Amino acid sequence: MLGLVARRLLKVVPLLLLVTVIAFGLLNLVPGDPAVQIAGEFATETQVEEIRDELGLDRPWLSRYGDWLGKAVRGDLGISLFSGVPVRDQLFQRLPATNSLIAWSLVLSA
């Protein structure tokens, strides 16, 4: 039984890695430059470059993914670009509502 659980857990690791690669890759395919969106319509090229440098958008994709994955494994999901609040805090703030939706869906499906 323990061997079965261990094998299943080992199968989860490559699956999660594949999902994160696909999700991170899809975010890079979104049209437009996030630095331009953050800087605003009337920003100078220098301001946009500073934002790109600050966010690491000027680095290669694999380097950015590696940094993100390393931080995500430790629980650091970064800072929200919209609110400036850590993403982890926002997730925990919304967790009770998510849990109630899960509970109600389980009740209804049973």
PDB file of N, CA and C in Angstrom:
ATOM      1  N   MET A   1       0.821  -1.200   0.000  1.00  0.00           N
ATOM      2  CA  MET A   1       0.000   0.000   0.000  1.00  0.00           C
ATOM      3  C   MET A   1       0.867   1.268   0.000  1.00  0.00           C
ATOM      4  N   LEU A   2       1.893   1.256   0.847  1.00  0.00           N
ATOM      5  CA  LEU A   2       2.780   2.413   0.929  1.00  0.00           C
ATOM      6  C   LEU A   2       3.530   2.613  -0.378  1.00  0.00           C
ATOM      7  N   GLY A   3       3.899   1.502  -1.030  1.00  0.00           N
ATOM      8  CA  GLY A   3       4.577   1.585  -2.319  1.00  0.00           C
ATOM      9  C   GLY A   3       3.695   2.210  -3.385  1.00  0.00           C
ATOM     10  N   LEU A   4       2.399   1.879  -3.355  1.00  0.00           N
ATOM     11  CA  LEU A   4       1.453   2.446  -4.312  1.00  0.00           C
ATOM     12  C   LEU A   4       1.333   3.959  -4.130  1.00  0.00           C
ATOM     13  N   VAL A   5       1.236   4.375  -2.878  1.00  0.00           N
ATOM     14  CA  VAL A   5       1.143   5.809  -2.588  1.00  0.00           C
ATOM     15  C   VAL A   5       2.409   6.523  -3.039  1.00  0.00           C
ATOM     16  N   ALA A   6       3.559   5.922  -2.790  1.00  0.00           N
ATOM     17  CA  ALA A   6       4.827   6.535  -3.189  1.00  0.00           C
ATOM     18  C   ALA A   6       4.921   6.655  -4.708  1.00  0.00           C
ATOM     19  N   ARG A   7       4.517   5.607  -5.433  1.00  0.00           N
ATOM     20  CA  ARG A   7       4.549   5.667  -6.904  1.00  0.00           C
ATOM     21  C   ARG A   7       3.608   6.740  -7.432  1.00  0.00           C
ATOM     22  N   ARG A   8       2.435   6.838  -6.839  1.00  0.00           N
ATOM     23  CA  ARG A   8       1.480   7.874  -7.284  1.00  0.00           C
ATOM     24  C   ARG A   8       2.018   9.272  -7.022  1.00  0.00           C
ATOM     25  N   LEU A   9       2.630   9.456  -5.866  1.00  0.00           N
ATOM     26  CA  LEU A   9       3.202  10.769  -5.558  1.00  0.00           C
ATOM     27  C   LEU A   9       4.349  11.113  -6.504  1.00  0.00           C
ATOM     28  N   LEU A  10       5.133  10.115  -6.878  1.00  0.00           N
ATOM     29  CA  LEU A  10       6.222  10.364  -7.820  1.00  0.00           C
ATOM     30  C   LEU A  10       5.697  10.703  -9.209  1.00  0.00           C
ATOM     31  N   LYS A  11       4.522  10.212  -9.571  1.00  0.00           N
ATOM     32  CA  LYS A  11       3.920  10.547 -10.857  1.00  0.00           C
ATOM     33  C   LYS A  11       3.354  11.961 -10.868  1.00  0.00           C
ATOM     34  N   VAL A  12       3.045  12.491  -9.700  1.00  0.00           N
ATOM     35  CA  VAL A  12       2.479  13.838  -9.609  1.00  0.00           C
ATOM     36  C   VAL A  12       3.530  14.893  -9.931  1.00  0.00           C
ATOM     37  N   VAL A  13       4.770  14.649  -9.555  1.00  0.00           N
ATOM     38  CA  VAL A  13       5.831  15.654  -9.729  1.00  0.00           C
ATOM     39  C   VAL A  13       6.010  16.045 -11.198  1.00  0.00           C
ATOM     40  N   PRO A  14       6.189  15.093 -12.142  1.00  0.00           N
ATOM     41  CA  PRO A  14       6.325  15.520 -13.538  1.00  0.00           C
ATOM     42  C   PRO A  14       5.062  16.180 -14.086  1.00  0.00           C
ATOM     43  N   LEU A  15       3.909  15.729 -13.615  1.00  0.00           N
ATOM     44  CA  LEU A  15       2.658  16.331 -14.073  1.00  0.00           C
ATOM     45  C   LEU A  15       2.569  17.796 -13.637  1.00  0.00           C
ATOM     46  N   LEU A  16       2.885  18.060 -12.382  1.00  0.00           N
ATOM     47  CA  LEU A  16       2.872  19.444 -11.900  1.00  0.00           C
ATOM     48  C   LEU A  16       3.897  20.295 -12.635  1.00  0.00           C
ATOM     49  N   LEU A  17       5.049  19.733 -12.906  1.00  0.00           N
ATOM     50  CA  LEU A  17       6.077  20.456 -13.647  1.00  0.00           C
ATOM     51  C   LEU A  17       5.585  20.802 -15.051  1.00  0.00           C
ATOM     52  N   LEU A  18       4.943  19.845 -15.711  1.00  0.00           N
ATOM     53  CA  LEU A  18       4.397  20.087 -17.043  1.00  0.00           C
ATOM     54  C   LEU A  18       3.308  21.162 -17.018  1.00  0.00           C
ATOM     55  N   VAL A  19       2.440  21.106 -16.034  1.00  0.00           N
ATOM     56  CA  VAL A  19       1.371  22.093 -15.927  1.00  0.00           C
ATOM     57  C   VAL A  19       1.942  23.489 -15.703  1.00  0.00           C
ATOM     58  N   THR A  20       2.969  23.596 -14.851  1.00  0.00           N
ATOM     59  CA  THR A  20       3.547  24.918 -14.601  1.00  0.00           C
ATOM     60  C   THR A  20       4.264  25.454 -15.831  1.00  0.00           C
ATOM     61  N   VAL A  21       4.945  24.581 -16.577  1.00  0.00           N
ATOM     62  CA  VAL A  21       5.615  25.024 -17.802  1.00  0.00           C
ATOM     63  C   VAL A  21       4.588  25.536 -18.806  1.00  0.00           C
ATOM     64  N   ILE A  22       3.494  24.809 -18.974  1.00  0.00           N
ATOM     65  CA  ILE A  22       2.453  25.224 -19.924  1.00  0.00           C
ATOM     66  C   ILE A  22       1.807  26.537 -19.478  1.00  0.00           C
ATOM     67  N   ALA A  23       1.467  26.639 -18.200  1.00  0.00           N
ATOM     68  CA  ALA A  23       0.830  27.865 -17.704  1.00  0.00           C
ATOM     69  C   ALA A  23       1.766  29.065 -17.831  1.00  0.00           C
ATOM     70  N   PHE A  24       3.024  28.890 -17.453  1.00  0.00           N
ATOM     71  CA  PHE A  24       3.994  29.985 -17.547  1.00  0.00           C
ATOM     72  C   PHE A  24       4.223  30.366 -19.002  1.00  0.00           C
ATOM     73  N   GLY A  25       4.261  29.360 -19.873  1.00  0.00           N
ATOM     74  CA  GLY A  25       4.440  29.634 -21.294  1.00  0.00           C
ATOM     75  C   GLY A  25       3.264  30.374 -21.896  1.00  0.00           C
ATOM     76  N   LEU A  26       2.047  29.987 -21.502  1.00  0.00           N
ATOM     77  CA  LEU A  26       0.856  30.667 -22.021  1.00  0.00           C
ATOM     78  C   LEU A  26       0.802  32.124 -21.579  1.00  0.00           C
ATOM     79  N   LEU A  27       1.272  32.400 -20.378  1.00  0.00           N
ATOM     80  CA  LEU A  27       1.300  33.789 -19.918  1.00  0.00           C
ATOM     81  C   LEU A  27       2.225  34.643 -20.770  1.00  0.00           C
ATOM     82  N   ASN A  28       3.256  34.032 -21.323  1.00  0.00           N
ATOM     83  CA  ASN A  28       4.179  34.771 -22.178  1.00  0.00           C
ATOM     84  C   ASN A  28       3.649  34.955 -23.590  1.00  0.00           C
ATOM     85  N   LEU A  29       2.611  34.212 -23.948  1.00  0.00           N
ATOM     86  CA  LEU A  29       2.023  34.346 -25.284  1.00  0.00           C
ATOM     87  C   LEU A  29       0.938  35.413 -25.346  1.00  0.00           C
ATOM     88  N   VAL A  30       0.547  35.931 -24.197  1.00  0.00           N
ATOM     89  CA  VAL A  30      -0.479  36.976 -24.161  1.00  0.00           C
ATOM     90  C   VAL A  30       0.049  38.197 -24.911  1.00  0.00           C
ATOM     91  N   PRO A  31      -0.749  38.736 -25.833  1.00  0.00           N
ATOM     92  CA  PRO A  31      -0.262  39.890 -26.595  1.00  0.00           C
ATOM     93  C   PRO A  31      -0.089  41.121 -25.705  1.00  0.00           C
ATOM     94  N   GLY A  32       0.864  41.928 -26.076  1.00  0.00           N
ATOM     95  CA  GLY A  32       1.130  43.152 -25.338  1.00  0.00           C
ATOM     96  C   GLY A  32       2.284  42.973 -24.371  1.00  0.00           C
ATOM     97  N   ASP A  33       2.805  44.069 -23.926  1.00  0.00           N
ATOM     98  CA  ASP A  33       3.932  44.080 -23.004  1.00  0.00           C
ATOM     99  C   ASP A  33       3.421  44.479 -21.621  1.00  0.00           C
ATOM    100  N   PRO A  34       3.579  43.616 -20.605  1.00  0.00           N
ATOM    101  CA  PRO A  34       3.112  43.977 -19.267  1.00  0.00           C
ATOM    102  C   PRO A  34       3.752  45.259 -18.740  1.00  0.00           C
ATOM    103  N   ALA A  35       5.001  45.505 -19.098  1.00  0.00           N
ATOM    104  CA  ALA A  35       5.681  46.707 -18.615  1.00  0.00           C
ATOM    105  C   ALA A  35       5.002  47.965 -19.160  1.00  0.00           C
ATOM    106  N   VAL A  36       4.547  47.920 -20.408  1.00  0.00           N
ATOM    107  CA  VAL A  36       3.848  49.071 -20.998  1.00  0.00           C
ATOM    108  C   VAL A  36       2.507  49.266 -20.296  1.00  0.00           C
ATOM    109  N   GLN A  37       1.815  48.174 -19.998  1.00  0.00           N
ATOM    110  CA  GLN A  37       0.531  48.272 -19.315  1.00  0.00           C
ATOM    111  C   GLN A  37       0.686  48.858 -17.913  1.00  0.00           C
ATOM    112  N   ILE A  38       1.723  48.440 -17.211  1.00  0.00           N
ATOM    113  CA  ILE A  38       1.949  48.934 -15.847  1.00  0.00           C
ATOM    114  C   ILE A  38       2.390  50.391 -15.864  1.00  0.00           C
ATOM    115  N   ALA A  39       3.266  50.735 -16.808  1.00  0.00           N
ATOM    116  CA  ALA A  39       3.805  52.095 -16.867  1.00  0.00           C
ATOM    117  C   ALA A  39       2.740  53.113 -17.262  1.00  0.00           C
ATOM    118  N   GLY A  40       1.792  52.682 -18.050  1.00  0.00           N
ATOM    119  CA  GLY A  40       0.754  53.604 -18.481  1.00  0.00           C
ATOM    120  C   GLY A  40       0.951  54.060 -19.909  1.00  0.00           C
ATOM    121  N   GLU A  41      -0.040  54.704 -20.401  1.00  0.00           N
ATOM    122  CA  GLU A  41      -0.087  55.107 -21.808  1.00  0.00           C
ATOM    123  C   GLU A  41       0.968  56.154 -22.169  1.00  0.00           C
ATOM    124  N   PHE A  42       1.277  57.045 -21.235  1.00  0.00           N
ATOM    125  CA  PHE A  42       2.164  58.167 -21.544  1.00  0.00           C
ATOM    126  C   PHE A  42       3.562  57.991 -20.966  1.00  0.00           C
ATOM    127  N   ALA A  43       3.959  56.760 -20.674  1.00  0.00           N
ATOM    128  CA  ALA A  43       5.276  56.504 -20.097  1.00  0.00           C
ATOM    129  C   ALA A  43       6.355  56.613 -21.167  1.00  0.00           C
ATOM    130  N   THR A  44       7.522  57.018 -20.724  1.00  0.00           N
ATOM    131  CA  THR A  44       8.659  57.091 -21.640  1.00  0.00           C
ATOM    132  C   THR A  44       9.267  55.689 -21.783  1.00  0.00           C
ATOM    133  N   GLU A  45      10.096  55.528 -22.806  1.00  0.00           N
ATOM    134  CA  GLU A  45      10.749  54.240 -23.031  1.00  0.00           C
ATOM    135  C   GLU A  45      11.665  53.884 -21.866  1.00  0.00           C
ATOM    136  N   THR A  46      12.268  54.889 -21.247  1.00  0.00           N
ATOM    137  CA  THR A  46      13.139  54.657 -20.091  1.00  0.00           C
ATOM    138  C   THR A  46      12.349  54.086 -18.924  1.00  0.00           C
ATOM    139  N   GLN A  47      11.158  54.629 -18.675  1.00  0.00           N
ATOM    140  CA  GLN A  47      10.319  54.120 -17.594  1.00  0.00           C
ATOM    141  C   GLN A  47       9.894  52.680 -17.858  1.00  0.00           C
ATOM    142  N   VAL A  48       9.565  52.399 -19.107  1.00  0.00           N
ATOM    143  CA  VAL A  48       9.158  51.034 -19.467  1.00  0.00           C
ATOM    144  C   VAL A  48      10.325  50.077 -19.278  1.00  0.00           C
ATOM    145  N   GLU A  49      11.519  50.476 -19.672  1.00  0.00           N
ATOM    146  CA  GLU A  49      12.704  49.628 -19.504  1.00  0.00           C
ATOM    147  C   GLU A  49      13.008  49.384 -18.026  1.00  0.00           C
ATOM    148  N   GLU A  50      12.801  50.404 -17.186  1.00  0.00           N
ATOM    149  CA  GLU A  50      13.019  50.241 -15.744  1.00  0.00           C
ATOM    150  C   GLU A  50      12.048  49.211 -15.167  1.00  0.00           C
ATOM    151  N   ILE A  51      10.817  49.253 -15.606  1.00  0.00           N
ATOM    152  CA  ILE A  51       9.817  48.293 -15.132  1.00  0.00           C
ATOM    153  C   ILE A  51      10.155  46.890 -15.626  1.00  0.00           C
ATOM    154  N   ARG A  52      10.562  46.770 -16.877  1.00  0.00           N
ATOM    155  CA  ARG A  52      10.980  45.465 -17.403  1.00  0.00           C
ATOM    156  C   ARG A  52      12.135  44.891 -16.586  1.00  0.00           C
ATOM    157  N   ASP A  53      13.103  45.751 -16.265  1.00  0.00           N
ATOM    158  CA  ASP A  53      14.248  45.310 -15.476  1.00  0.00           C
ATOM    159  C   ASP A  53      13.817  44.914 -14.065  1.00  0.00           C
ATOM    160  N   GLU A  54      12.942  45.703 -13.460  1.00  0.00           N
ATOM    161  CA  GLU A  54      12.459  45.426 -12.105  1.00  0.00           C
ATOM    162  C   GLU A  54      11.697  44.099 -12.037  1.00  0.00           C
ATOM    163  N   LEU A  55      10.875  43.826 -13.050  1.00  0.00           N
ATOM    164  CA  LEU A  55      10.089  42.594 -13.084  1.00  0.00           C
ATOM    165  C   LEU A  55      10.850  41.412 -13.663  1.00  0.00           C
ATOM    166  N   GLY A  56      12.016  41.667 -14.224  1.00  0.00           N
ATOM    167  CA  GLY A  56      12.814  40.597 -14.807  1.00  0.00           C
ATOM    168  C   GLY A  56      12.339  40.189 -16.187  1.00  0.00           C
ATOM    169  N   LEU A  57      11.548  41.022 -16.834  1.00  0.00           N
ATOM    170  CA  LEU A  57      11.015  40.692 -18.151  1.00  0.00           C
ATOM    171  C   LEU A  57      12.069  40.779 -19.247  1.00  0.00           C
ATOM    172  N   ASP A  58      13.220  41.346 -18.927  1.00  0.00           N
ATOM    173  CA  ASP A  58      14.292  41.444 -19.916  1.00  0.00           C
ATOM    174  C   ASP A  58      15.187  40.206 -19.912  1.00  0.00           C
ATOM    175  N   ARG A  59      14.934  39.281 -18.975  1.00  0.00           N
ATOM    176  CA  ARG A  59      15.722  38.048 -18.894  1.00  0.00           C
ATOM    177  C   ARG A  59      15.106  36.960 -19.766  1.00  0.00           C
ATOM    178  N   PRO A  60      15.878  35.926 -20.105  1.00  0.00           N
ATOM    179  CA  PRO A  60      15.337  34.820 -20.910  1.00  0.00           C
ATOM    180  C   PRO A  60      14.205  34.082 -20.175  1.00  0.00           C
ATOM    181  N   TRP A  61      13.324  33.478 -20.967  1.00  0.00           N
ATOM    182  CA  TRP A  61      12.141  32.807 -20.434  1.00  0.00           C
ATOM    183  C   TRP A  61      12.511  31.719 -19.433  1.00  0.00           C
ATOM    184  N   LEU A  62      13.484  30.897 -19.763  1.00  0.00           N
ATOM    185  CA  LEU A  62      13.858  29.786 -18.896  1.00  0.00           C
ATOM    186  C   LEU A  62      14.408  30.277 -17.558  1.00  0.00           C
ATOM    187  N   SER A  63      15.136  31.358 -17.584  1.00  0.00           N
ATOM    188  CA  SER A  63      15.668  31.939 -16.352  1.00  0.00           C
ATOM    189  C   SER A  63      14.531  32.455 -15.469  1.00  0.00           C
ATOM    190  N   ARG A  64      13.571  33.147 -16.078  1.00  0.00           N
ATOM    191  CA  ARG A  64      12.420  33.653 -15.315  1.00  0.00           C
ATOM    192  C   ARG A  64      11.596  32.513 -14.743  1.00  0.00           C
ATOM    193  N   TYR A  65      11.399  31.452 -15.546  1.00  0.00           N
ATOM    194  CA  TYR A  65      10.630  30.296 -15.073  1.00  0.00           C
ATOM    195  C   TYR A  65      11.333  29.619 -13.906  1.00  0.00           C
ATOM    196  N   GLY A  66      12.630  29.439 -14.015  1.00  0.00           N
ATOM    197  CA  GLY A  66      13.389  28.811 -12.929  1.00  0.00           C
ATOM    198  C   GLY A  66      13.301  29.608 -11.634  1.00  0.00           C
ATOM    199  N   ASP A  67      13.428  30.920 -11.733  1.00  0.00           N
ATOM    200  CA  ASP A  67      13.308  31.767 -10.544  1.00  0.00           C
ATOM    201  C   ASP A  67      11.908  31.673  -9.945  1.00  0.00           C
ATOM    202  N   TRP A  68      10.894  31.737 -10.801  1.00  0.00           N
ATOM    203  CA  TRP A  68       9.514  31.660 -10.330  1.00  0.00           C
ATOM    204  C   TRP A  68       9.250  30.316  -9.658  1.00  0.00           C
ATOM    205  N   LEU A  69       9.683  29.227 -10.289  1.00  0.00           N
ATOM    206  CA  LEU A  69       9.441  27.893  -9.739  1.00  0.00           C
ATOM    207  C   LEU A  69      10.142  27.720  -8.398  1.00  0.00           C
ATOM    208  N   GLY A  70      11.368  28.200  -8.298  1.00  0.00           N
ATOM    209  CA  GLY A  70      12.095  28.103  -7.034  1.00  0.00           C
ATOM    210  C   GLY A  70      11.389  28.844  -5.913  1.00  0.00           C
ATOM    211  N   LYS A  71      10.878  30.020  -6.217  1.00  0.00           N
ATOM    212  CA  LYS A  71      10.156  30.789  -5.205  1.00  0.00           C
ATOM    213  C   LYS A  71       8.805  30.158  -4.891  1.00  0.00           C
ATOM    214  N   ALA A  72       8.110  29.653  -5.910  1.00  0.00           N
ATOM    215  CA  ALA A  72       6.790  29.054  -5.707  1.00  0.00           C
ATOM    216  C   ALA A  72       6.880  27.810  -4.830  1.00  0.00           C
ATOM    217  N   VAL A  73       7.940  27.026  -4.995  1.00  0.00           N
ATOM    218  CA  VAL A  73       8.118  25.833  -4.171  1.00  0.00           C
ATOM    219  C   VAL A  73       8.291  26.215  -2.703  1.00  0.00           C
ATOM    220  N   ARG A  74       8.889  27.364  -2.449  1.00  0.00           N
ATOM    221  CA  ARG A  74       9.072  27.842  -1.069  1.00  0.00           C
ATOM    222  C   ARG A  74       7.862  28.621  -0.563  1.00  0.00           C
ATOM    223  N   GLY A  75       6.829  28.793  -1.391  1.00  0.00           N
ATOM    224  CA  GLY A  75       5.615  29.482  -0.950  1.00  0.00           C
ATOM    225  C   GLY A  75       5.580  30.963  -1.287  1.00  0.00           C
ATOM    226  N   ASP A  76       6.598  31.470  -1.967  1.00  0.00           N
ATOM    227  CA  ASP A  76       6.635  32.882  -2.355  1.00  0.00           C
ATOM    228  C   ASP A  76       6.065  33.006  -3.765  1.00  0.00           C
ATOM    229  N   LEU A  77       4.825  33.452  -3.870  1.00  0.00           N
ATOM    230  CA  LEU A  77       4.173  33.571  -5.169  1.00  0.00           C
ATOM    231  C   LEU A  77       4.298  34.968  -5.755  1.00  0.00           C
ATOM    232  N   GLY A  78       5.034  35.829  -5.092  1.00  0.00           N
ATOM    233  CA  GLY A  78       5.279  37.161  -5.633  1.00  0.00           C
ATOM    234  C   GLY A  78       4.268  38.186  -5.173  1.00  0.00           C
ATOM    235  N   ILE A  79       4.337  39.344  -5.812  1.00  0.00           N
ATOM    236  CA  ILE A  79       3.475  40.480  -5.501  1.00  0.00           C
ATOM    237  C   ILE A  79       2.511  40.675  -6.664  1.00  0.00           C
ATOM    238  N   SER A  80       1.250  40.925  -6.350  1.00  0.00           N
ATOM    239  CA  SER A  80       0.255  41.167  -7.379  1.00  0.00           C
ATOM    240  C   SER A  80       0.577  42.461  -8.117  1.00  0.00           C
ATOM    241  N   LEU A  81       0.528  42.406  -9.438  1.00  0.00           N
ATOM    242  CA  LEU A  81       0.788  43.605 -10.229  1.00  0.00           C
ATOM    243  C   LEU A  81      -0.362  44.587 -10.143  1.00  0.00           C
ATOM    244  N   PHE A  82      -1.543  44.113  -9.784  1.00  0.00           N
ATOM    245  CA  PHE A  82      -2.718  44.977  -9.733  1.00  0.00           C
ATOM    246  C   PHE A  82      -2.890  45.662  -8.381  1.00  0.00           C
ATOM    247  N   SER A  83      -2.703  44.914  -7.295  1.00  0.00           N
ATOM    248  CA  SER A  83      -2.965  45.487  -5.975  1.00  0.00           C
ATOM    249  C   SER A  83      -1.696  45.795  -5.184  1.00  0.00           C
ATOM    250  N   GLY A  84      -0.558  45.210  -5.557  1.00  0.00           N
ATOM    251  CA  GLY A  84       0.678  45.434  -4.826  1.00  0.00           C
ATOM    252  C   GLY A  84       0.771  44.622  -3.539  1.00  0.00           C
ATOM    253  N   VAL A  85      -0.186  43.727  -3.317  1.00  0.00           N
ATOM    254  CA  VAL A  85      -0.230  42.882  -2.121  1.00  0.00           C
ATOM    255  C   VAL A  85       0.344  41.514  -2.489  1.00  0.00           C
ATOM    256  N   PRO A  86       1.036  40.847  -1.567  1.00  0.00           N
ATOM    257  CA  PRO A  86       1.531  39.502  -1.874  1.00  0.00           C
ATOM    258  C   PRO A  86       0.403  38.561  -2.298  1.00  0.00           C
ATOM    259  N   VAL A  87       0.659  37.782  -3.333  1.00  0.00           N
ATOM    260  CA  VAL A  87      -0.351  36.871  -3.878  1.00  0.00           C
ATOM    261  C   VAL A  87      -0.751  35.838  -2.829  1.00  0.00           C
ATOM    262  N   ARG A  88       0.216  35.390  -2.047  1.00  0.00           N
ATOM    263  CA  ARG A  88      -0.080  34.403  -1.002  1.00  0.00           C
ATOM    264  C   ARG A  88      -1.128  34.938  -0.027  1.00  0.00           C
ATOM    265  N   ASP A  89      -1.009  36.204   0.375  1.00  0.00           N
ATOM    266  CA  ASP A  89      -1.983  36.802   1.284  1.00  0.00           C
ATOM    267  C   ASP A  89      -3.364  36.859   0.642  1.00  0.00           C
ATOM    268  N   GLN A  90      -3.410  37.197  -0.638  1.00  0.00           N
ATOM    269  CA  GLN A  90      -4.687  37.253  -1.330  1.00  0.00           C
ATOM    270  C   GLN A  90      -5.330  35.874  -1.425  1.00  0.00           C
ATOM    271  N   LEU A  91      -4.513  34.840  -1.659  1.00  0.00           N
ATOM    272  CA  LEU A  91      -5.055  33.484  -1.700  1.00  0.00           C
ATOM    273  C   LEU A  91      -5.641  33.079  -0.360  1.00  0.00           C
ATOM    274  N   PHE A  92      -4.926  33.345   0.732  1.00  0.00           N
ATOM    275  CA  PHE A  92      -5.430  32.992   2.058  1.00  0.00           C
ATOM    276  C   PHE A  92      -6.670  33.800   2.423  1.00  0.00           C
ATOM    277  N   GLN A  93      -6.755  35.021   1.940  1.00  0.00           N
ATOM    278  CA  GLN A  93      -7.926  35.853   2.208  1.00  0.00           C
ATOM    279  C   GLN A  93      -9.173  35.270   1.539  1.00  0.00           C
ATOM    280  N   ARG A  94      -8.993  34.668   0.371  1.00  0.00           N
ATOM    281  CA  ARG A  94     -10.126  34.129  -0.382  1.00  0.00           C
ATOM    282  C   ARG A  94     -10.387  32.648  -0.105  1.00  0.00           C
ATOM    283  N   LEU A  95      -9.553  32.032   0.698  1.00  0.00           N
ATOM    284  CA  LEU A  95      -9.672  30.600   0.970  1.00  0.00           C
ATOM    285  C   LEU A  95     -10.999  30.208   1.639  1.00  0.00           C
ATOM    286  N   PRO A  96     -11.534  30.962   2.605  1.00  0.00           N
ATOM    287  CA  PRO A  96     -12.808  30.564   3.204  1.00  0.00           C
ATOM    288  C   PRO A  96     -13.953  30.488   2.187  1.00  0.00           C
ATOM    289  N   ALA A  97     -14.018  31.443   1.289  1.00  0.00           N
ATOM    290  CA  ALA A  97     -15.077  31.405   0.270  1.00  0.00           C
ATOM    291  C   ALA A  97     -14.885  30.218  -0.658  1.00  0.00           C
ATOM    292  N   THR A  98     -13.654  29.923  -1.010  1.00  0.00           N
ATOM    293  CA  THR A  98     -13.365  28.770  -1.866  1.00  0.00           C
ATOM    294  C   THR A  98     -13.757  27.476  -1.163  1.00  0.00           C
ATOM    295  N   ASN A  99     -13.415  27.376   0.108  1.00  0.00           N
ATOM    296  CA  ASN A  99     -13.759  26.170   0.863  1.00  0.00           C
ATOM    297  C   ASN A  99     -15.268  25.993   0.976  1.00  0.00           C
ATOM    298  N   SER A 100     -16.008  27.075   1.142  1.00  0.00           N
ATOM    299  CA  SER A 100     -17.467  26.933   1.222  1.00  0.00           C
ATOM    300  C   SER A 100     -18.037  26.498  -0.128  1.00  0.00           C
ATOM    301  N   LEU A 101     -17.479  26.987  -1.225  1.00  0.00           N
ATOM    302  CA  LEU A 101     -17.929  26.523  -2.539  1.00  0.00           C
ATOM    303  C   LEU A 101     -17.641  25.037  -2.731  1.00  0.00           C
ATOM    304  N   ILE A 102     -16.484  24.605  -2.271  1.00  0.00           N
ATOM    305  CA  ILE A 102     -16.134  23.184  -2.367  1.00  0.00           C
ATOM    306  C   ILE A 102     -17.096  22.346  -1.534  1.00  0.00           C
ATOM    307  N   ALA A 103     -17.355  22.795  -0.325  1.00  0.00           N
ATOM    308  CA  ALA A 103     -18.251  22.042   0.558  1.00  0.00           C
ATOM    309  C   ALA A 103     -19.650  21.942  -0.036  1.00  0.00           C
ATOM    310  N   TRP A 104     -20.180  23.059  -0.530  1.00  0.00           N
ATOM    311  CA  TRP A 104     -21.523  23.033  -1.121  1.00  0.00           C
ATOM    312  C   TRP A 104     -21.578  22.169  -2.380  1.00  0.00           C
ATOM    313  N   SER A 105     -20.531  22.195  -3.160  1.00  0.00           N
ATOM    314  CA  SER A 105     -20.526  21.355  -4.372  1.00  0.00           C
ATOM    315  C   SER A 105     -20.474  19.869  -3.993  1.00  0.00           C
ATOM    316  N   LEU A 106     -19.749  19.539  -2.928  1.00  0.00           N
ATOM    317  CA  LEU A 106     -19.736  18.153  -2.470  1.00  0.00           C
ATOM    318  C   LEU A 106     -21.106  17.729  -1.947  1.00  0.00           C
ATOM    319  N   VAL A 107     -21.750  18.621  -1.217  1.00  0.00           N
ATOM    320  CA  VAL A 107     -23.087  18.318  -0.693  1.00  0.00           C
ATOM    321  C   VAL A 107     -24.067  18.113  -1.848  1.00  0.00           C
ATOM    322  N   LEU A 108     -24.033  18.999  -2.815  1.00  0.00           N
ATOM    323  CA  LEU A 108     -24.965  18.880  -3.944  1.00  0.00           C
ATOM    324  C   LEU A 108     -24.677  17.660  -4.799  1.00  0.00           C
ATOM    325  N   SER A 109     -23.411  17.311  -4.963  1.00  0.00           N
ATOM    326  CA  SER A 109     -23.095  16.151  -5.789  1.00  0.00           C
ATOM    327  C   SER A 109     -23.424  14.840  -5.074  1.00  0.00           C
ATOM    328  N   ALA A 110     -23.403  14.862  -3.735  1.00  0.00           N
ATOM    329  CA  ALA A 110     -23.742  13.642  -2.983  1.00  0.00           C
ATOM    330  C   ALA A 110     -25.235  13.433  -3.045  1.00  0.00           C
TER     331      ALA A 110
END
